[in-house]
């Protein structure tokens, strides 16, 4: 009788570990519901000049996607200052959250809290003014809500960007 309980407990533990590993792998993946593209009008500029960094988020799923925000790595903001934000070509003042996590890094997250319908796109333009000479690189990240198994989780789609200030 005890041997059967022990075997059952071991099997339950193995299944639980497998589910947790699968969940962690899923959390580390990028969301499939969106496609992101970044474009800049220039990547080399002098101190005082501006660049327009356009982030296009496209919903490629059959369901609406909830976009929480877009983040700019601290490495990008070391050489430039955000002077204006445009959402679908309209000036916008977005709430800003500073994030800093040991494994993920540091970034400024600009809250959007918008739903994107299937097949639609949302354009966000960050106008950055160059302030410090050097080469800068970092990621632009779009954060979306996801609900696997009914659990409210957030996933990120990342794109690399680099620019130089002379």
C-alpha atoms as a PDB file:
ATOM      1  CA  UNK A   1       0.000   0.000   0.000  1.00  0.00           C
ATOM      2  CA  UNK A   2       2.795   2.448   0.870  1.00  0.00           C
ATOM      3  CA  UNK A   3       4.650   1.614  -2.331  1.00  0.00           C
ATOM      4  CA  UNK A   4       1.578   2.624  -4.397  1.00  0.00           C
ATOM      5  CA  UNK A   5       1.278   5.994  -2.572  1.00  0.00           C
ATOM      6  CA  UNK A   6       4.966   6.699  -3.062  1.00  0.00           C
ATOM      7  CA  UNK A   7       4.774   5.880  -6.792  1.00  0.00           C
ATOM      8  CA  UNK A   8       1.696   8.066  -7.206  1.00  0.00           C
ATOM      9  CA  UNK A   9       3.383  10.954  -5.386  1.00  0.00           C
ATOM     10  CA  UNK A  10       6.464  10.650  -7.605  1.00  0.00           C
ATOM     11  CA  UNK A  11       4.313  10.631 -10.766  1.00  0.00           C
ATOM     12  CA  UNK A  12       2.371  13.691  -9.617  1.00  0.00           C
ATOM     13  CA  UNK A  13       5.657  15.473  -8.867  1.00  0.00           C
ATOM     14  CA  UNK A  14       7.054  14.612 -12.323  1.00  0.00           C
ATOM     15  CA  UNK A  15       3.904  15.881 -14.053  1.00  0.00           C
ATOM     16  CA  UNK A  16       3.989  19.083 -11.990  1.00  0.00           C
ATOM     17  CA  UNK A  17       7.643  19.701 -12.888  1.00  0.00           C
ATOM     18  CA  UNK A  18       6.905  19.053 -16.583  1.00  0.00           C
ATOM     19  CA  UNK A  19       4.028  21.556 -16.526  1.00  0.00           C
ATOM     20  CA  UNK A  20       6.205  24.193 -14.812  1.00  0.00           C
ATOM     21  CA  UNK A  21       9.025  23.688 -17.335  1.00  0.00           C
ATOM     22  CA  UNK A  22       6.562  23.985 -20.232  1.00  0.00           C
ATOM     23  CA  UNK A  23       5.143  27.189 -18.731  1.00  0.00           C
ATOM     24  CA  UNK A  24       8.629  28.688 -18.289  1.00  0.00           C
ATOM     25  CA  UNK A  25       9.552  27.845 -21.876  1.00  0.00           C
ATOM     26  CA  UNK A  26       6.315  29.441 -23.066  1.00  0.00           C
ATOM     27  CA  UNK A  27       6.946  32.563 -20.974  1.00  0.00           C
ATOM     28  CA  UNK A  28      10.370  32.942 -22.563  1.00  0.00           C
ATOM     29  CA  UNK A  29       8.924  32.823 -26.056  1.00  0.00           C
ATOM     30  CA  UNK A  30       7.743  35.809 -28.033  1.00  0.00           C
ATOM     31  CA  UNK A  31       4.041  36.326 -28.725  1.00  0.00           C
ATOM     32  CA  UNK A  32       2.856  34.935 -32.053  1.00  0.00           C
ATOM     33  CA  UNK A  33      -0.122  37.294 -32.268  1.00  0.00           C
ATOM     34  CA  UNK A  34       1.907  40.347 -33.245  1.00  0.00           C
ATOM     35  CA  UNK A  35       4.645  41.257 -35.670  1.00  0.00           C
ATOM     36  CA  UNK A  36       6.827  44.290 -34.976  1.00  0.00           C
ATOM     37  CA  UNK A  37       8.961  46.331 -37.320  1.00  0.00           C
ATOM     38  CA  UNK A  38      11.203  49.282 -36.509  1.00  0.00           C
ATOM     39  CA  UNK A  39      12.421  51.947 -38.895  1.00  0.00           C
ATOM     40  CA  UNK A  40      14.499  55.060 -38.307  1.00  0.00           C
ATOM     41  CA  UNK A  41      14.856  58.050 -40.589  1.00  0.00           C
ATOM     42  CA  UNK A  42      18.593  58.031 -39.769  1.00  0.00           C
ATOM     43  CA  UNK A  43      21.079  56.094 -37.651  1.00  0.00           C
ATOM     44  CA  UNK A  44      24.017  58.543 -37.659  1.00  0.00           C
ATOM     45  CA  UNK A  45      23.500  62.019 -36.261  1.00  0.00           C
ATOM     46  CA  UNK A  46      25.230  64.903 -34.540  1.00  0.00           C
ATOM     47  CA  UNK A  47      24.545  66.172 -31.038  1.00  0.00           C
ATOM     48  CA  UNK A  48      21.323  68.210 -31.107  1.00  0.00           C
ATOM     49  CA  UNK A  49      19.872  66.471 -34.163  1.00  0.00           C
ATOM     50  CA  UNK A  50      16.796  64.269 -33.914  1.00  0.00           C
ATOM     51  CA  UNK A  51      15.854  60.883 -35.255  1.00  0.00           C
ATOM     52  CA  UNK A  52      12.380  59.456 -35.645  1.00  0.00           C
ATOM     53  CA  UNK A  53      12.199  55.831 -34.517  1.00  0.00           C
ATOM     54  CA  UNK A  54       8.997  54.296 -35.869  1.00  0.00           C
ATOM     55  CA  UNK A  55       7.671  51.129 -34.237  1.00  0.00           C
ATOM     56  CA  UNK A  56       4.929  49.352 -36.177  1.00  0.00           C
ATOM     57  CA  UNK A  57       2.941  46.715 -34.290  1.00  0.00           C
ATOM     58  CA  UNK A  58       0.751  44.509 -36.464  1.00  0.00           C
ATOM     59  CA  UNK A  59      -1.850  42.075 -35.171  1.00  0.00           C
ATOM     60  CA  UNK A  60      -1.349  38.931 -37.257  1.00  0.00           C
ATOM     61  CA  UNK A  61      -3.744  36.782 -35.217  1.00  0.00           C
ATOM     62  CA  UNK A  62      -7.443  36.141 -35.673  1.00  0.00           C
ATOM     63  CA  UNK A  63      -8.264  37.719 -32.301  1.00  0.00           C
ATOM     64  CA  UNK A  64      -7.810  41.233 -30.894  1.00  0.00           C
ATOM     65  CA  UNK A  65      -4.474  41.802 -29.147  1.00  0.00           C
ATOM     66  CA  UNK A  66      -4.057  43.941 -26.031  1.00  0.00           C
ATOM     67  CA  UNK A  67      -0.897  46.060 -26.349  1.00  0.00           C
ATOM     68  CA  UNK A  68       0.277  47.198 -22.915  1.00  0.00           C
ATOM     69  CA  UNK A  69       3.173  49.370 -23.979  1.00  0.00           C
ATOM     70  CA  UNK A  70       6.434  49.817 -25.829  1.00  0.00           C
ATOM     71  CA  UNK A  71       9.788  49.883 -24.077  1.00  0.00           C
ATOM     72  CA  UNK A  72      13.099  51.487 -25.024  1.00  0.00           C
ATOM     73  CA  UNK A  73      16.255  49.953 -23.543  1.00  0.00           C
ATOM     74  CA  UNK A  74      18.284  52.166 -21.250  1.00  0.00           C
ATOM     75  CA  UNK A  75      21.201  51.677 -23.676  1.00  0.00           C
ATOM     76  CA  UNK A  76      19.285  53.582 -26.342  1.00  0.00           C
ATOM     77  CA  UNK A  77      18.413  56.409 -23.980  1.00  0.00           C
ATOM     78  CA  UNK A  78      22.022  56.818 -22.814  1.00  0.00           C
ATOM     79  CA  UNK A  79      22.764  58.764 -26.007  1.00  0.00           C
ATOM     80  CA  UNK A  80      19.438  60.424 -26.701  1.00  0.00           C
ATOM     81  CA  UNK A  81      16.509  62.074 -24.982  1.00  0.00           C
ATOM     82  CA  UNK A  82      12.881  61.496 -25.906  1.00  0.00           C
ATOM     83  CA  UNK A  83      11.415  64.794 -27.115  1.00  0.00           C
ATOM     84  CA  UNK A  84       8.117  63.686 -28.663  1.00  0.00           C
ATOM     85  CA  UNK A  85       5.895  60.637 -29.080  1.00  0.00           C
ATOM     86  CA  UNK A  86       3.377  60.121 -31.876  1.00  0.00           C
ATOM     87  CA  UNK A  87       0.738  57.386 -31.874  1.00  0.00           C
ATOM     88  CA  UNK A  88      -0.785  56.836 -35.319  1.00  0.00           C
ATOM     89  CA  UNK A  89       0.668  60.209 -36.400  1.00  0.00           C
ATOM     90  CA  UNK A  90      -0.963  62.078 -33.486  1.00  0.00           C
ATOM     91  CA  UNK A  91       1.135  63.657 -30.692  1.00  0.00           C
ATOM     92  CA  UNK A  92       0.640  61.698 -27.482  1.00  0.00           C
ATOM     93  CA  UNK A  93       1.727  61.960 -23.887  1.00  0.00           C
ATOM     94  CA  UNK A  94       2.194  58.411 -22.642  1.00  0.00           C
ATOM     95  CA  UNK A  95       2.601  57.273 -19.045  1.00  0.00           C
ATOM     96  CA  UNK A  96       6.204  56.222 -18.412  1.00  0.00           C
ATOM     97  CA  UNK A  97       7.398  53.447 -16.110  1.00  0.00           C
ATOM     98  CA  UNK A  98      11.055  52.846 -15.408  1.00  0.00           C
ATOM     99  CA  UNK A  99      11.845  49.130 -15.291  1.00  0.00           C
ATOM    100  CA  UNK A 100      15.055  47.525 -14.049  1.00  0.00           C
ATOM    101  CA  UNK A 101      15.342  43.770 -13.555  1.00  0.00           C
ATOM    102  CA  UNK A 102      18.577  41.823 -12.928  1.00  0.00           C
ATOM    103  CA  UNK A 103      18.173  39.372 -15.814  1.00  0.00           C
ATOM    104  CA  UNK A 104      16.069  41.418 -18.252  1.00  0.00           C
ATOM    105  CA  UNK A 105      17.890  44.749 -17.954  1.00  0.00           C
ATOM    106  CA  UNK A 106      16.647  48.318 -17.658  1.00  0.00           C
ATOM    107  CA  UNK A 107      14.253  50.218 -19.890  1.00  0.00           C
ATOM    108  CA  UNK A 108      11.638  52.940 -20.060  1.00  0.00           C
ATOM    109  CA  UNK A 109       8.183  51.550 -20.765  1.00  0.00           C
ATOM    110  CA  UNK A 110       5.653  53.836 -22.436  1.00  0.00           C
ATOM    111  CA  UNK A 111       2.108  52.725 -21.616  1.00  0.00           C
ATOM    112  CA  UNK A 112      -0.343  52.391 -24.480  1.00  0.00           C
ATOM    113  CA  UNK A 113      -3.084  50.116 -23.134  1.00  0.00           C
ATOM    114  CA  UNK A 114      -4.683  49.694 -26.568  1.00  0.00           C
ATOM    115  CA  UNK A 115      -6.440  46.890 -28.315  1.00  0.00           C
ATOM    116  CA  UNK A 116      -5.384  46.144 -31.886  1.00  0.00           C
ATOM    117  CA  UNK A 117      -8.016  44.449 -34.057  1.00  0.00           C
ATOM    118  CA  UNK A 118      -7.078  41.447 -36.216  1.00  0.00           C
ATOM    119  CA  UNK A 119      -5.138  42.603 -39.281  1.00  0.00           C
ATOM    120  CA  UNK A 120      -4.713  46.178 -37.982  1.00  0.00           C
ATOM    121  CA  UNK A 121      -1.489  47.993 -37.165  1.00  0.00           C
ATOM    122  CA  UNK A 122      -0.495  50.635 -34.664  1.00  0.00           C
ATOM    123  CA  UNK A 123       2.403  53.012 -35.348  1.00  0.00           C
ATOM    124  CA  UNK A 124       4.324  54.573 -32.484  1.00  0.00           C
ATOM    125  CA  UNK A 125       7.037  57.106 -33.318  1.00  0.00           C
ATOM    126  CA  UNK A 126       9.635  58.121 -30.751  1.00  0.00           C
ATOM    127  CA  UNK A 127      11.442  61.337 -31.681  1.00  0.00           C
ATOM    128  CA  UNK A 128      14.832  61.207 -29.993  1.00  0.00           C
ATOM    129  CA  UNK A 129      17.340  64.059 -29.713  1.00  0.00           C
ATOM    130  CA  UNK A 130      21.029  63.108 -29.686  1.00  0.00           C
ATOM    131  CA  UNK A 131      22.792  64.331 -26.527  1.00  0.00           C
ATOM    132  CA  UNK A 132      26.026  62.367 -26.054  1.00  0.00           C
ATOM    133  CA  UNK A 133      28.522  61.227 -28.715  1.00  0.00           C
ATOM    134  CA  UNK A 134      29.011  57.483 -29.002  1.00  0.00           C
ATOM    135  CA  UNK A 135      27.562  54.282 -30.401  1.00  0.00           C
ATOM    136  CA  UNK A 136      24.342  53.050 -28.828  1.00  0.00           C
ATOM    137  CA  UNK A 137      22.470  49.790 -29.130  1.00  0.00           C
ATOM    138  CA  UNK A 138      19.466  48.276 -27.429  1.00  0.00           C
ATOM    139  CA  UNK A 139      16.089  46.710 -27.890  1.00  0.00           C
ATOM    140  CA  UNK A 140      12.676  48.138 -28.606  1.00  0.00           C
ATOM    141  CA  UNK A 141      10.075  45.933 -26.937  1.00  0.00           C
ATOM    142  CA  UNK A 142       6.308  45.621 -27.435  1.00  0.00           C
ATOM    143  CA  UNK A 143       4.467  44.153 -24.438  1.00  0.00           C
ATOM    144  CA  UNK A 144       1.176  42.293 -25.011  1.00  0.00           C
ATOM    145  CA  UNK A 145      -1.298  40.533 -22.744  1.00  0.00           C
ATOM    146  CA  UNK A 146      -1.592  36.799 -23.150  1.00  0.00           C
ATOM    147  CA  UNK A 147      -3.881  34.335 -21.384  1.00  0.00           C
ATOM    148  CA  UNK A 148      -2.631  30.754 -21.586  1.00  0.00           C
ATOM    149  CA  UNK A 149      -4.916  28.462 -19.633  1.00  0.00           C
ATOM    150  CA  UNK A 150      -6.812  31.561 -18.489  1.00  0.00           C
ATOM    151  CA  UNK A 151      -3.795  32.970 -16.591  1.00  0.00           C
ATOM    152  CA  UNK A 152      -3.102  36.673 -17.153  1.00  0.00           C
ATOM    153  CA  UNK A 153       0.508  36.884 -18.426  1.00  0.00           C
ATOM    154  CA  UNK A 154       2.522  39.370 -20.457  1.00  0.00           C
ATOM    155  CA  UNK A 155       4.807  38.506 -23.364  1.00  0.00           C
ATOM    156  CA  UNK A 156       7.289  40.683 -25.231  1.00  0.00           C
ATOM    157  CA  UNK A 157       8.324  41.014 -28.877  1.00  0.00           C
ATOM    158  CA  UNK A 158      11.827  42.516 -29.197  1.00  0.00           C
ATOM    159  CA  UNK A 159      13.657  44.219 -32.061  1.00  0.00           C
ATOM    160  CA  UNK A 160      17.271  45.454 -31.924  1.00  0.00           C
ATOM    161  CA  UNK A 161      18.218  48.991 -32.892  1.00  0.00           C
ATOM    162  CA  UNK A 162      21.479  50.883 -32.955  1.00  0.00           C
ATOM    163  CA  UNK A 163      22.558  54.417 -33.796  1.00  0.00           C
ATOM    164  CA  UNK A 164      25.619  56.613 -33.506  1.00  0.00           C
ATOM    165  CA  UNK A 165      26.042  60.181 -32.331  1.00  0.00           C
ATOM    166  CA  UNK A 166      29.062  62.155 -33.575  1.00  0.00           C
END
